[in-house]
Amino acid sequence: MVVWDPEKRFELSHKNLHMKADYASYEGKTVIGAPTHVLSRGELVVENDKTIGKKGRGQFVRRGTFSL
């Protein structure tokens, strides 16, 4: 579950987007609206821009391939 603040201003950067790339396509662009809290399976994992979830707590869910 995500708690969203529609008024929050957020500057996009490779440092705050949690990607494995060392760049961001929209580096420096400011957007309006951002998450404030994220819950995963009942546990708070992000609070006010800080990841507080324990590393490795995720679960891989195998899915079949998509066919047309």
C-alpha atoms as a PDB file:
ATOM      1  CA  MET A   1       0.000   0.000   0.000  1.00  0.00           C
ATOM      2  CA  VAL A   2       1.271   3.481  -0.827  1.00  0.00           C
ATOM      3  CA  VAL A   3       0.329   6.704   0.977  1.00  0.00           C
ATOM      4  CA  TRP A   4       0.559   9.497  -1.608  1.00  0.00           C
ATOM      5  CA  ASP A   5       1.041  13.217  -0.997  1.00  0.00           C
ATOM      6  CA  PRO A   6      -0.318  14.995  -4.100  1.00  0.00           C
ATOM      7  CA  GLU A   7       1.318  18.319  -3.066  1.00  0.00           C
ATOM      8  CA  LYS A   8       4.846  17.063  -2.343  1.00  0.00           C
ATOM      9  CA  ARG A   9       7.562  18.350  -4.713  1.00  0.00           C
ATOM     10  CA  PHE A  10      10.171  15.786  -5.699  1.00  0.00           C
ATOM     11  CA  GLU A  11      13.295  16.243  -7.855  1.00  0.00           C
ATOM     12  CA  LEU A  12      14.120  13.211  -9.977  1.00  0.00           C
ATOM     13  CA  SER A  13      17.695  11.967  -9.704  1.00  0.00           C
ATOM     14  CA  HIS A  14      19.510   8.671 -10.144  1.00  0.00           C
ATOM     15  CA  LYS A  15      20.420   8.958  -6.454  1.00  0.00           C
ATOM     16  CA  ASN A  16      16.823   8.973  -5.208  1.00  0.00           C
ATOM     17  CA  LEU A  17      15.106   6.697  -7.761  1.00  0.00           C
ATOM     18  CA  HIS A  18      16.726   3.473  -6.470  1.00  0.00           C
ATOM     19  CA  MET A  19      17.815   2.184  -9.877  1.00  0.00           C
ATOM     20  CA  LYS A  20      20.941   0.239 -10.725  1.00  0.00           C
ATOM     21  CA  ALA A  21      21.786   2.717 -13.500  1.00  0.00           C
ATOM     22  CA  ASP A  22      24.058   5.671 -12.779  1.00  0.00           C
ATOM     23  CA  TYR A  23      21.775   8.131 -14.557  1.00  0.00           C
ATOM     24  CA  ALA A  24      18.111   9.065 -14.793  1.00  0.00           C
ATOM     25  CA  SER A  25      16.316  10.007 -18.017  1.00  0.00           C
ATOM     26  CA  TYR A  26      14.629  12.959 -16.326  1.00  0.00           C
ATOM     27  CA  GLU A  27      17.542  14.044 -14.099  1.00  0.00           C
ATOM     28  CA  GLY A  28      16.807  17.358 -12.376  1.00  0.00           C
ATOM     29  CA  LYS A  29      13.104  17.488 -13.308  1.00  0.00           C
ATOM     30  CA  THR A  30      10.823  18.412 -10.426  1.00  0.00           C
ATOM     31  CA  VAL A  31       7.492  16.602 -10.221  1.00  0.00           C
ATOM     32  CA  ILE A  32       4.525  17.253  -7.961  1.00  0.00           C
ATOM     33  CA  GLY A  33       3.176  14.276  -6.037  1.00  0.00           C
ATOM     34  CA  ALA A  34       5.209  11.570  -4.337  1.00  0.00           C
ATOM     35  CA  PRO A  35       4.804   8.710  -1.874  1.00  0.00           C
ATOM     36  CA  THR A  36       5.304   9.407   1.824  1.00  0.00           C
ATOM     37  CA  HIS A  37       4.894   5.865   3.182  1.00  0.00           C
ATOM     38  CA  VAL A  38       4.962   2.386   1.641  1.00  0.00           C
ATOM     39  CA  LEU A  39       3.728  -0.773   3.343  1.00  0.00           C
ATOM     40  CA  SER A  40       4.577  -4.254   2.077  1.00  0.00           C
ATOM     41  CA  ARG A  41       2.708  -7.243   3.507  1.00  0.00           C
ATOM     42  CA  GLY A  42       1.752  -5.130   6.527  1.00  0.00           C
ATOM     43  CA  GLU A  43       5.276  -3.879   7.250  1.00  0.00           C
ATOM     44  CA  LEU A  44       6.336  -0.249   6.839  1.00  0.00           C
ATOM     45  CA  VAL A  45       9.245  -0.284   4.352  1.00  0.00           C
ATOM     46  CA  VAL A  46       9.495   3.395   3.299  1.00  0.00           C
ATOM     47  CA  GLU A  47       8.868   6.390   5.526  1.00  0.00           C
ATOM     48  CA  ASN A  48       9.426  10.008   4.396  1.00  0.00           C
ATOM     49  CA  ASP A  49      11.940   9.230   1.609  1.00  0.00           C
ATOM     50  CA  LYS A  50      13.896   6.750   3.740  1.00  0.00           C
ATOM     51  CA  THR A  51      13.903   3.002   3.090  1.00  0.00           C
ATOM     52  CA  ILE A  52      13.537   1.237   6.425  1.00  0.00           C
ATOM     53  CA  GLY A  53      12.614  -2.254   5.232  1.00  0.00           C
ATOM     54  CA  LYS A  54      15.045  -5.092   5.840  1.00  0.00           C
ATOM     55  CA  LYS A  55      17.131  -6.184   2.864  1.00  0.00           C
ATOM     56  CA  GLY A  56      16.105  -9.584   1.515  1.00  0.00           C
ATOM     57  CA  ARG A  57      12.559  -9.534   2.908  1.00  0.00           C
ATOM     58  CA  GLY A  58      10.973  -9.676  -0.548  1.00  0.00           C
ATOM     59  CA  GLN A  59       9.526 -12.788  -2.131  1.00  0.00           C
ATOM     60  CA  PHE A  60       9.964 -13.896  -5.720  1.00  0.00           C
ATOM     61  CA  VAL A  61       6.646 -14.818  -7.310  1.00  0.00           C
ATOM     62  CA  ARG A  62       7.134 -16.932 -10.439  1.00  0.00           C
ATOM     63  CA  ARG A  63       4.788 -16.102 -13.288  1.00  0.00           C
ATOM     64  CA  GLY A  64       4.216 -17.768 -16.632  1.00  0.00           C
ATOM     65  CA  THR A  65       5.192 -16.128 -19.878  1.00  0.00           C
ATOM     66  CA  PHE A  66       2.770 -13.921 -21.730  1.00  0.00           C
ATOM     67  CA  SER A  67       1.539 -15.292 -25.032  1.00  0.00           C
ATOM     68  CA  LEU A  68      -0.604 -13.561 -27.611  1.00  0.00           C
END
